[in-house]
Amino acid sequence: MESKRQQKVGRQIQKDLGEIFQQDAKHLVNGSFVTITAVRVSPDLGIARAYLSFLPDKNKSFLLETIKENTKFIRQKLAERVRHQLRIVPHLQFYIDDTAEYAAKMDLLFADLVIPPAQPDDEEETN
């Protein structure tokens, strides 16, 4: 369970990272649309785990590796934006967010289920 402070810092980092990917780091993602779906911050606010979603999602692993290689640049841009709110800029860790794929997989599984209708109880009718 995250504290209120962790949640606030996470939301701020999420907002700022979104702006960074739209404005300052376009060259890193080669025209793909990057969405930061969530940011989880450690209790000491030293590590921020950002979960990313890509559109189109053809080469997600390549884009993620490019972003990881340029984490220093992204962290520097983040520091410029949060220098008045945070004393220490957290170290960034990037992960692919696969919740949409998981939800689609679950939808397919539930769609393929065949559930027979309930049989009326014969005992209730005889009473």
C-alpha atoms as a PDB file:
ATOM      1  CA  MET A   1       0.000   0.000   0.000  1.00  0.00           C
ATOM      2  CA  GLU A   2       1.473   3.286  -1.081  1.00  0.00           C
ATOM      3  CA  SER A   3       1.378   6.332   1.162  1.00  0.00           C
ATOM      4  CA  LYS A   4      -0.291   9.544   0.019  1.00  0.00           C
ATOM      5  CA  ARG A   5       3.122  11.099  -0.563  1.00  0.00           C
ATOM      6  CA  GLN A   6       4.189   8.201  -2.787  1.00  0.00           C
ATOM      7  CA  GLN A   7       0.958   8.475  -4.760  1.00  0.00           C
ATOM      8  CA  LYS A   8       1.351  12.241  -5.245  1.00  0.00           C
ATOM      9  CA  VAL A   9       4.969  11.930  -6.347  1.00  0.00           C
ATOM     10  CA  GLY A  10       4.029   9.049  -8.652  1.00  0.00           C
ATOM     11  CA  ARG A  11       1.272  11.073 -10.313  1.00  0.00           C
ATOM     12  CA  GLN A  12       3.598  14.052 -10.771  1.00  0.00           C
ATOM     13  CA  ILE A  13       6.330  11.897 -12.309  1.00  0.00           C
ATOM     14  CA  GLN A  14       3.748  10.206 -14.551  1.00  0.00           C
ATOM     15  CA  LYS A  15       2.539  13.585 -15.822  1.00  0.00           C
ATOM     16  CA  ASP A  16       6.066  14.912 -16.369  1.00  0.00           C
ATOM     17  CA  LEU A  17       7.299  11.747 -18.095  1.00  0.00           C
ATOM     18  CA  GLY A  18       4.331  11.916 -20.446  1.00  0.00           C
ATOM     19  CA  GLU A  19       5.266  15.460 -21.410  1.00  0.00           C
ATOM     20  CA  ILE A  20       8.918  14.501 -21.802  1.00  0.00           C
ATOM     21  CA  PHE A  21       8.067  11.659 -24.213  1.00  0.00           C
ATOM     22  CA  GLN A  22       5.758  13.949 -26.209  1.00  0.00           C
ATOM     23  CA  GLN A  23       8.128  16.923 -26.424  1.00  0.00           C
ATOM     24  CA  ASP A  24      11.752  16.241 -25.551  1.00  0.00           C
ATOM     25  CA  ALA A  25      12.245  12.550 -26.332  1.00  0.00           C
ATOM     26  CA  LYS A  26      10.387  12.114 -29.621  1.00  0.00           C
ATOM     27  CA  HIS A  27      13.598  10.945 -31.254  1.00  0.00           C
ATOM     28  CA  LEU A  28      13.869   8.012 -28.830  1.00  0.00           C
ATOM     29  CA  VAL A  29      10.540   6.424 -29.714  1.00  0.00           C
ATOM     30  CA  ASN A  30      10.667   6.830 -33.520  1.00  0.00           C
ATOM     31  CA  GLY A  31       7.162   8.200 -33.930  1.00  0.00           C
ATOM     32  CA  SER A  32       5.466   5.728 -31.603  1.00  0.00           C
ATOM     33  CA  PHE A  33       2.952   7.036 -29.110  1.00  0.00           C
ATOM     34  CA  VAL A  34       4.122   6.313 -25.566  1.00  0.00           C
ATOM     35  CA  THR A  35       1.680   6.277 -22.677  1.00  0.00           C
ATOM     36  CA  ILE A  36       2.844   6.104 -19.075  1.00  0.00           C
ATOM     37  CA  THR A  37       0.117   3.958 -17.555  1.00  0.00           C
ATOM     38  CA  ALA A  38       1.419   3.966 -13.982  1.00  0.00           C
ATOM     39  CA  VAL A  39       4.348   5.056 -11.849  1.00  0.00           C
ATOM     40  CA  ARG A  40       5.113   3.286  -8.581  1.00  0.00           C
ATOM     41  CA  VAL A  41       7.505   5.028  -6.213  1.00  0.00           C
ATOM     42  CA  SER A  42       9.514   3.323  -3.470  1.00  0.00           C
ATOM     43  CA  PRO A  43       8.847   4.399   0.142  1.00  0.00           C
ATOM     44  CA  ASP A  44      12.063   6.464   0.281  1.00  0.00           C
ATOM     45  CA  LEU A  45      11.129   8.141  -3.061  1.00  0.00           C
ATOM     46  CA  GLY A  46      14.468   6.995  -4.487  1.00  0.00           C
ATOM     47  CA  ILE A  47      13.187   4.661  -7.212  1.00  0.00           C
ATOM     48  CA  ALA A  48      10.326   5.221  -9.631  1.00  0.00           C
ATOM     49  CA  ARG A  49       9.056   2.294 -11.690  1.00  0.00           C
ATOM     50  CA  ALA A  50       7.288   3.555 -14.825  1.00  0.00           C
ATOM     51  CA  TYR A  51       5.008   1.238 -16.803  1.00  0.00           C
ATOM     52  CA  LEU A  52       4.838   2.107 -20.499  1.00  0.00           C
ATOM     53  CA  SER A  53       2.383   1.299 -23.255  1.00  0.00           C
ATOM     54  CA  PHE A  54       3.266   1.785 -26.928  1.00  0.00           C
ATOM     55  CA  LEU A  55       1.137   2.433 -30.025  1.00  0.00           C
ATOM     56  CA  PRO A  56       1.728   0.947 -32.556  1.00  0.00           C
ATOM     57  CA  ASP A  57       3.087  -1.917 -30.534  1.00  0.00           C
ATOM     58  CA  LYS A  58       5.078  -3.717 -33.219  1.00  0.00           C
ATOM     59  CA  ASN A  59       8.535  -3.522 -31.631  1.00  0.00           C
ATOM     60  CA  LYS A  60       7.886  -2.857 -27.953  1.00  0.00           C
ATOM     61  CA  SER A  61      11.015  -4.584 -26.694  1.00  0.00           C
ATOM     62  CA  PHE A  62      13.270  -2.558 -29.032  1.00  0.00           C
ATOM     63  CA  LEU A  63      11.636   0.710 -27.926  1.00  0.00           C
ATOM     64  CA  LEU A  64      11.942  -0.267 -24.272  1.00  0.00           C
ATOM     65  CA  GLU A  65      15.655  -1.036 -24.705  1.00  0.00           C
ATOM     66  CA  THR A  66      16.180   2.334 -26.424  1.00  0.00           C
ATOM     67  CA  ILE A  67      14.441   4.091 -23.553  1.00  0.00           C
ATOM     68  CA  LYS A  68      16.473   2.162 -20.980  1.00  0.00           C
ATOM     69  CA  GLU A  69      19.698   3.117 -22.759  1.00  0.00           C
ATOM     70  CA  ASN A  70      18.676   6.788 -22.574  1.00  0.00           C
ATOM     71  CA  THR A  71      17.460   6.758 -18.968  1.00  0.00           C
ATOM     72  CA  LYS A  72      20.116   9.304 -17.996  1.00  0.00           C
ATOM     73  CA  PHE A  73      18.789  11.802 -20.573  1.00  0.00           C
ATOM     74  CA  ILE A  74      15.169  11.227 -19.467  1.00  0.00           C
ATOM     75  CA  ARG A  75      16.102  11.576 -15.794  1.00  0.00           C
ATOM     76  CA  GLN A  76      17.897  14.845 -16.562  1.00  0.00           C
ATOM     77  CA  LYS A  77      14.793  16.213 -18.310  1.00  0.00           C
ATOM     78  CA  LEU A  78      12.672  15.054 -15.368  1.00  0.00           C
ATOM     79  CA  ALA A  79      15.042  16.817 -12.952  1.00  0.00           C
ATOM     80  CA  GLU A  80      14.555  20.084 -14.829  1.00  0.00           C
ATOM     81  CA  ARG A  81      10.799  19.769 -14.356  1.00  0.00           C
ATOM     82  CA  VAL A  82      10.618  18.646 -10.700  1.00  0.00           C
ATOM     83  CA  ARG A  83      13.559  20.524  -9.230  1.00  0.00           C
ATOM     84  CA  HIS A  84      11.278  22.702  -7.095  1.00  0.00           C
ATOM     85  CA  GLN A  85       9.022  19.856  -5.911  1.00  0.00           C
ATOM     86  CA  LEU A  86      11.504  17.093  -5.106  1.00  0.00           C
ATOM     87  CA  ARG A  87      14.811  17.227  -3.326  1.00  0.00           C
ATOM     88  CA  ILE A  88      16.111  14.032  -4.920  1.00  0.00           C
ATOM     89  CA  VAL A  89      15.135  12.948  -8.433  1.00  0.00           C
ATOM     90  CA  PRO A  90      14.348   9.230  -8.275  1.00  0.00           C
ATOM     91  CA  HIS A  91      16.185   6.658 -10.360  1.00  0.00           C
ATOM     92  CA  LEU A  92      13.942   5.552 -13.196  1.00  0.00           C
ATOM     93  CA  GLN A  93      13.115   1.970 -14.096  1.00  0.00           C
ATOM     94  CA  PHE A  94      10.995   1.286 -17.187  1.00  0.00           C
ATOM     95  CA  TYR A  95       8.739  -1.716 -17.791  1.00  0.00           C
ATOM     96  CA  ILE A  96       6.252  -2.673 -20.492  1.00  0.00           C
ATOM     97  CA  ASP A  97       2.672  -2.503 -19.243  1.00  0.00           C
ATOM     98  CA  ASP A  98       0.879  -5.613 -20.424  1.00  0.00           C
ATOM     99  CA  THR A  99      -2.449  -5.158 -18.627  1.00  0.00           C
ATOM    100  CA  ALA A 100      -4.322  -4.405 -21.870  1.00  0.00           C
ATOM    101  CA  GLU A 101      -3.036  -7.621 -23.438  1.00  0.00           C
ATOM    102  CA  TYR A 102      -3.923  -9.552 -20.291  1.00  0.00           C
ATOM    103  CA  ALA A 103      -7.447  -8.095 -20.262  1.00  0.00           C
ATOM    104  CA  ALA A 104      -7.925  -8.996 -23.938  1.00  0.00           C
ATOM    105  CA  LYS A 105      -6.750 -12.535 -23.228  1.00  0.00           C
ATOM    106  CA  MET A 106      -9.208 -12.850 -20.336  1.00  0.00           C
ATOM    107  CA  ASP A 107     -12.035 -11.519 -22.524  1.00  0.00           C
ATOM    108  CA  LEU A 108     -11.279 -14.185 -25.121  1.00  0.00           C
ATOM    109  CA  LEU A 109     -11.272 -16.894 -22.479  1.00  0.00           C
ATOM    110  CA  PHE A 110     -14.622 -15.760 -21.083  1.00  0.00           C
ATOM    111  CA  ALA A 111     -16.118 -15.407 -24.569  1.00  0.00           C
ATOM    112  CA  ASP A 112     -15.252 -19.039 -25.350  1.00  0.00           C
ATOM    113  CA  LEU A 113     -16.949 -20.350 -22.208  1.00  0.00           C
ATOM    114  CA  VAL A 114     -20.164 -22.223 -22.767  1.00  0.00           C
ATOM    115  CA  ILE A 115     -22.332 -22.138 -19.668  1.00  0.00           C
ATOM    116  CA  PRO A 116     -25.523 -24.205 -19.893  1.00  0.00           C
ATOM    117  CA  PRO A 117     -28.708 -22.626 -18.523  1.00  0.00           C
ATOM    118  CA  ALA A 118     -29.741 -23.621 -15.028  1.00  0.00           C
ATOM    119  CA  GLN A 119     -32.156 -26.535 -14.806  1.00  0.00           C
ATOM    120  CA  PRO A 120     -35.396 -25.835 -12.959  1.00  0.00           C
ATOM    121  CA  ASP A 121     -35.681 -27.763  -9.725  1.00  0.00           C
ATOM    122  CA  ASP A 122     -38.327 -30.513 -10.046  1.00  0.00           C
ATOM    123  CA  GLU A 123     -38.625 -30.767  -6.258  1.00  0.00           C
ATOM    124  CA  GLU A 124     -40.025 -27.256  -5.878  1.00  0.00           C
ATOM    125  CA  GLU A 125     -42.754 -27.941  -8.444  1.00  0.00           C
ATOM    126  CA  THR A 126     -43.991 -31.079  -6.688  1.00  0.00           C
ATOM    127  CA  ASN A 127     -44.375 -29.404  -3.306  1.00  0.00           C
END
